[in-house]
């Protein structure tokens, strides 16, 4: 399928979605978010895809929502035609791991988009922030909630109330970013990580992602119980038997995603 605002490519079991509005610094407009939702739905349904990379361009992952598109909206316009809902639901329902490969600006909706992913790998040029307060609003795509859970109350308050940016090093120290690499190694590193994830048992990876995400909403006791029950359920799968047999036999496992 041809898209106007994104580009989707495949390399084996890894799919890459590149945001492609470079002249607008990949600002998230309705058309782009609709195409992202469509692409994710197709990749979710494709059993040959094991992991997805979401990326932008060197200068910007995504510099925020398209302000010019929404600046004249009224409350009822936004309420009746929620521009974020379709994409929010698409990412929430996407069960396979997603890696955000971020370089340049990831601001506002761009930072929120990166946080919707499961792993953020940042180039040393990356800058993150929630500058919406400078526009007379606050984050509206999960920034006050996901950022809080990722970096804690004090830093989330700092970023959302001052509108300042933090560089990749600060983002890694704060726990927002999993690792930092030189810009020219960003996609290579992301593809290596994605290929490693995609080589694992797909249902086991999906259950692992689901369990970690669920832990955000639970007490420690509830999360441990969920982890234990999910771990036990994996012993009904072929891939558990194959993985442990391969370990005992000192060979590489051959998972069949069942």
Protein backbone atom coordinates (compact mmCIF):
# COMPACT_ATOMS: atom_id res chain seq x y z
CA UNK A 1 0.00 0.00 0.00
CA UNK A 2 1.27 3.46 -0.91
CA UNK A 3 1.25 6.17 1.77
CA UNK A 4 1.67 9.94 1.48
CA UNK A 5 3.08 10.75 4.93
CA UNK A 6 4.95 7.61 5.96
CA UNK A 7 7.12 4.98 4.31
CA UNK A 8 6.93 1.30 5.27
CA UNK A 9 9.75 -1.09 4.41
CA UNK A 10 10.57 -4.70 5.28
CA UNK A 11 13.78 -6.54 6.07
CA UNK A 12 12.91 -10.11 6.92
CA UNK A 13 10.77 -10.19 10.06
CA UNK A 14 11.48 -6.50 10.83
CA UNK A 15 9.25 -3.74 9.48
CA UNK A 16 10.33 -0.10 9.55
CA UNK A 17 7.89 2.81 9.51
CA UNK A 18 9.51 6.13 8.67
CA UNK A 19 7.63 9.36 9.29
CA UNK A 20 7.98 11.29 6.06
CA UNK A 21 7.01 14.95 6.28
CA UNK A 22 10.56 16.34 6.47
CA UNK A 23 9.65 19.89 5.43
CA UNK A 24 7.27 20.04 8.41
CA UNK A 25 9.78 18.32 10.74
CA UNK A 26 7.42 15.33 10.66
CA UNK A 27 4.66 17.24 12.47
CA UNK A 28 1.83 14.85 13.24
CA UNK A 29 -1.25 15.79 11.24
CA UNK A 30 -4.48 13.83 10.95
CA UNK A 31 -3.47 12.22 7.67
CA UNK A 32 -0.16 10.96 9.08
CA UNK A 33 -1.75 9.54 12.22
CA UNK A 34 -4.42 7.81 10.13
CA UNK A 35 -1.76 6.25 7.92
CA UNK A 36 0.22 5.14 10.98
CA UNK A 37 -2.88 3.47 12.40
CA UNK A 38 -3.53 1.70 9.09
CA UNK A 39 0.08 0.55 8.79
CA UNK A 40 0.16 -0.79 12.34
CA UNK A 41 -3.08 -2.70 11.80
CA UNK A 42 -1.61 -4.35 8.70
CA UNK A 43 1.62 -5.23 10.49
CA UNK A 44 -0.31 -6.60 13.47
CA UNK A 45 -2.18 -8.96 11.15
CA UNK A 46 1.01 -10.09 9.36
CA UNK A 47 2.37 -13.16 11.16
CA UNK A 48 5.71 -12.80 9.37
CA UNK A 49 6.45 -9.52 11.21
CA UNK A 50 8.11 -9.95 14.59
CA UNK A 51 9.17 -6.41 15.45
CA UNK A 52 8.60 -2.86 14.18
CA UNK A 53 10.93 0.14 14.12
CA UNK A 54 9.38 3.63 14.10
CA UNK A 55 11.70 6.43 13.03
CA UNK A 56 11.86 9.86 11.44
CA UNK A 57 14.69 11.84 9.84
CA UNK A 58 18.04 13.07 11.14
CA UNK A 59 16.71 16.53 12.03
CA UNK A 60 13.45 15.41 13.64
CA UNK A 61 11.76 12.24 14.78
CA UNK A 62 8.62 14.37 15.05
CA UNK A 63 8.60 17.97 16.22
CA UNK A 64 5.05 17.78 17.59
CA UNK A 65 1.47 17.89 16.46
CA UNK A 66 0.57 20.00 13.44
CA UNK A 67 -0.43 23.21 15.25
CA UNK A 68 -1.65 24.99 12.12
CA UNK A 69 -4.14 22.17 11.57
CA UNK A 70 -5.69 22.42 15.04
CA UNK A 71 -5.26 26.04 16.10
CA UNK A 72 -8.80 27.10 15.09
CA UNK A 73 -10.54 24.09 16.66
CA UNK A 74 -13.10 24.48 19.44
CA UNK A 75 -13.77 22.04 22.27
CA UNK A 76 -16.65 20.32 20.51
CA UNK A 77 -14.60 19.96 17.33
CA UNK A 78 -11.94 18.10 19.26
CA UNK A 79 -14.42 16.13 21.34
CA UNK A 80 -16.51 14.89 18.41
CA UNK A 81 -13.57 14.31 16.08
CA UNK A 82 -10.82 13.16 18.41
CA UNK A 83 -7.75 13.43 16.19
CA UNK A 84 -5.67 11.31 18.54
CA UNK A 85 -8.04 8.44 19.32
CA UNK A 86 -7.58 6.31 16.21
CA UNK A 87 -3.81 6.26 16.53
CA UNK A 88 -3.90 5.88 20.32
CA UNK A 89 -6.08 2.79 19.97
CA UNK A 90 -3.88 1.41 17.19
CA UNK A 91 -0.75 1.61 19.37
CA UNK A 92 -2.52 0.34 22.48
CA UNK A 93 -3.78 -2.70 20.58
CA UNK A 94 -0.49 -3.41 18.82
CA UNK A 95 0.86 -6.51 20.51
CA UNK A 96 4.26 -6.88 18.87
CA UNK A 97 7.30 -4.97 20.16
CA UNK A 98 7.95 -1.51 18.69
CA UNK A 99 11.30 0.28 18.84
CA UNK A 100 11.43 4.06 18.45
CA UNK A 101 14.68 5.10 16.76
CA UNK A 102 14.91 8.80 17.61
CA UNK A 103 17.21 11.47 16.22
CA UNK A 104 16.75 15.22 16.34
CA UNK A 105 13.61 16.69 17.83
CA UNK A 106 11.03 14.52 19.60
CA UNK A 107 8.82 17.23 21.02
CA UNK A 108 5.19 17.37 22.14
CA UNK A 109 3.30 14.77 20.14
CA UNK A 110 6.64 13.47 18.86
CA UNK A 111 7.85 12.74 22.39
CA UNK A 112 4.48 11.19 23.17
CA UNK A 113 4.69 9.05 20.03
CA UNK A 114 8.12 7.77 21.05
CA UNK A 115 6.76 6.93 24.52
CA UNK A 116 3.98 4.86 22.95
CA UNK A 117 6.71 2.54 21.72
CA UNK A 118 8.23 -0.19 23.88
CA UNK A 119 11.91 0.74 23.56
CA UNK A 120 13.47 4.10 22.72
CA UNK A 121 16.93 4.06 21.17
CA UNK A 122 18.22 7.60 20.79
CA UNK A 123 20.90 9.15 18.63
CA UNK A 124 23.25 11.49 20.46
CA UNK A 125 21.49 14.34 18.63
CA UNK A 126 18.06 13.58 20.09
CA UNK A 127 16.15 16.18 22.09
CA UNK A 128 12.98 15.37 24.01
CA UNK A 129 10.38 17.68 25.48
CA UNK A 130 6.75 18.58 26.13
CA UNK A 131 6.60 22.28 25.20
CA UNK A 132 2.81 22.51 24.90
CA UNK A 133 2.55 24.93 27.81
CA UNK A 134 4.24 27.54 25.61
CA UNK A 135 1.17 27.30 23.34
CA UNK A 136 -1.32 27.71 26.16
CA UNK A 137 -2.19 24.02 26.44
CA UNK A 138 -0.77 20.86 28.03
CA UNK A 139 0.21 17.51 26.49
CA UNK A 140 -2.80 15.73 25.00
CA UNK A 141 -1.47 12.39 23.67
CA UNK A 142 -0.43 10.84 26.97
CA UNK A 143 2.48 13.13 27.83
CA UNK A 144 1.39 13.88 31.39
CA UNK A 145 0.81 10.16 32.04
CA UNK A 146 3.50 8.20 30.18
CA UNK A 147 6.21 10.73 31.01
CA UNK A 148 5.24 10.56 34.68
CA UNK A 149 5.59 6.79 34.66
CA UNK A 150 8.87 6.90 32.74
CA UNK A 151 10.81 9.62 34.58
CA UNK A 152 8.92 10.29 37.82
CA UNK A 153 6.84 13.18 39.11
CA UNK A 154 9.52 15.85 39.59
CA UNK A 155 11.07 15.64 36.12
CA UNK A 156 7.66 15.24 34.44
CA UNK A 157 6.50 18.40 36.21
CA UNK A 158 9.72 20.18 35.22
CA UNK A 159 9.39 19.31 31.53
CA UNK A 160 5.65 19.92 31.25
CA UNK A 161 5.60 23.18 33.23
CA UNK A 162 8.73 24.82 31.84
CA UNK A 163 8.48 23.45 28.33
CA UNK A 164 12.24 22.92 28.23
CA UNK A 165 14.00 20.25 26.17
CA UNK A 166 16.32 17.57 27.52
CA UNK A 167 19.11 16.05 25.50
CA UNK A 168 19.69 12.34 24.95
CA UNK A 169 22.10 12.01 27.88
CA UNK A 170 19.59 13.48 30.34
CA UNK A 171 16.81 11.36 28.85
CA UNK A 172 18.87 8.21 29.38
CA UNK A 173 19.72 9.19 32.97
CA UNK A 174 16.03 9.81 33.62
CA UNK A 175 15.03 6.40 32.30
CA UNK A 176 13.16 7.58 29.21
CA UNK A 177 15.72 6.18 26.78
CA UNK A 178 17.16 2.67 26.82
CA UNK A 179 20.44 3.56 25.11
CA UNK A 180 22.27 6.27 23.16
CA UNK A 181 24.29 5.71 20.01
CA UNK A 182 26.03 8.00 17.49
CA UNK A 183 23.68 9.31 14.83
CA UNK A 184 25.34 7.30 12.06
CA UNK A 185 24.80 4.10 14.07
CA UNK A 186 21.15 4.71 15.02
CA UNK A 187 19.37 2.64 12.39
CA UNK A 188 22.02 -0.07 12.43
CA UNK A 189 21.59 -0.44 16.19
CA UNK A 190 17.79 -0.33 16.00
CA UNK A 191 17.74 -2.95 13.25
CA UNK A 192 20.08 -5.23 15.19
CA UNK A 193 17.85 -4.98 18.27
CA UNK A 194 14.69 -5.50 16.21
CA UNK A 195 16.17 -8.51 14.41
CA UNK A 196 17.13 -10.05 17.75
CA UNK A 197 13.60 -9.52 19.09
CA UNK A 198 12.05 -10.85 15.88
CA UNK A 199 14.17 -14.02 16.12
CA UNK A 200 12.58 -14.93 19.45
CA UNK A 201 9.31 -16.76 19.87
CA UNK A 202 6.68 -14.27 18.76
CA UNK A 203 3.96 -15.31 21.24
CA UNK A 204 6.46 -15.32 24.11
CA UNK A 205 7.67 -11.83 23.14
CA UNK A 206 4.08 -10.62 22.93
CA UNK A 207 3.21 -12.05 26.35
CA UNK A 208 6.35 -10.51 27.84
CA UNK A 209 5.42 -7.08 26.44
CA UNK A 210 1.86 -7.46 27.73
CA UNK A 211 3.04 -8.40 31.21
CA UNK A 212 5.48 -5.48 31.51
CA UNK A 213 2.86 -3.00 30.31
CA UNK A 214 0.26 -4.39 32.70
CA UNK A 215 2.67 -3.89 35.58
CA UNK A 216 2.28 -0.11 35.22
CA UNK A 217 -1.35 -0.44 36.26
CA UNK A 218 -0.92 -2.88 39.15
CA UNK A 219 0.51 -3.13 42.62
CA UNK A 220 3.76 -5.07 42.93
CA UNK A 221 1.91 -8.03 44.44
CA UNK A 222 -0.59 -8.11 41.58
CA UNK A 223 2.17 -7.75 39.00
CA UNK A 224 4.21 -10.59 40.49
CA UNK A 225 1.13 -12.80 40.46
CA UNK A 226 0.44 -11.95 36.81
CA UNK A 227 4.08 -12.60 35.92
CA UNK A 228 4.06 -15.98 37.64
CA UNK A 229 0.82 -17.13 35.99
CA UNK A 230 1.97 -15.94 32.56
CA UNK A 231 5.33 -17.67 33.05
CA UNK A 232 3.54 -20.90 33.93
CA UNK A 233 1.28 -20.64 30.89
CA UNK A 234 4.33 -20.55 28.62
CA UNK A 235 4.97 -24.20 29.53
CA UNK A 236 2.04 -25.11 27.28
CA UNK A 237 3.92 -23.87 24.20
CA UNK A 238 6.15 -25.65 21.72
CA UNK A 239 8.66 -22.80 21.89
CA UNK A 240 9.26 -23.25 25.63
CA UNK A 241 10.06 -26.92 25.08
CA UNK A 242 12.30 -26.07 22.12
CA UNK A 243 14.08 -23.22 23.90
CA UNK A 244 14.95 -25.24 26.98
CA UNK A 245 15.91 -28.31 24.94
CA UNK A 246 18.21 -26.16 22.80
CA UNK A 247 19.85 -24.75 25.94
CA UNK A 248 20.42 -28.23 27.37
CA UNK A 249 21.78 -29.47 24.04
CA UNK A 250 23.96 -26.36 23.57
CA UNK A 251 22.46 -25.42 20.22
CA UNK A 252 20.48 -22.54 18.75
CA UNK A 253 16.71 -22.83 19.28
CA UNK A 254 14.37 -23.07 16.28
CA UNK A 255 11.18 -21.40 17.41
CA UNK A 256 7.96 -22.04 15.49
CA UNK A 257 5.82 -19.30 17.12
CA UNK A 258 3.51 -21.81 18.73
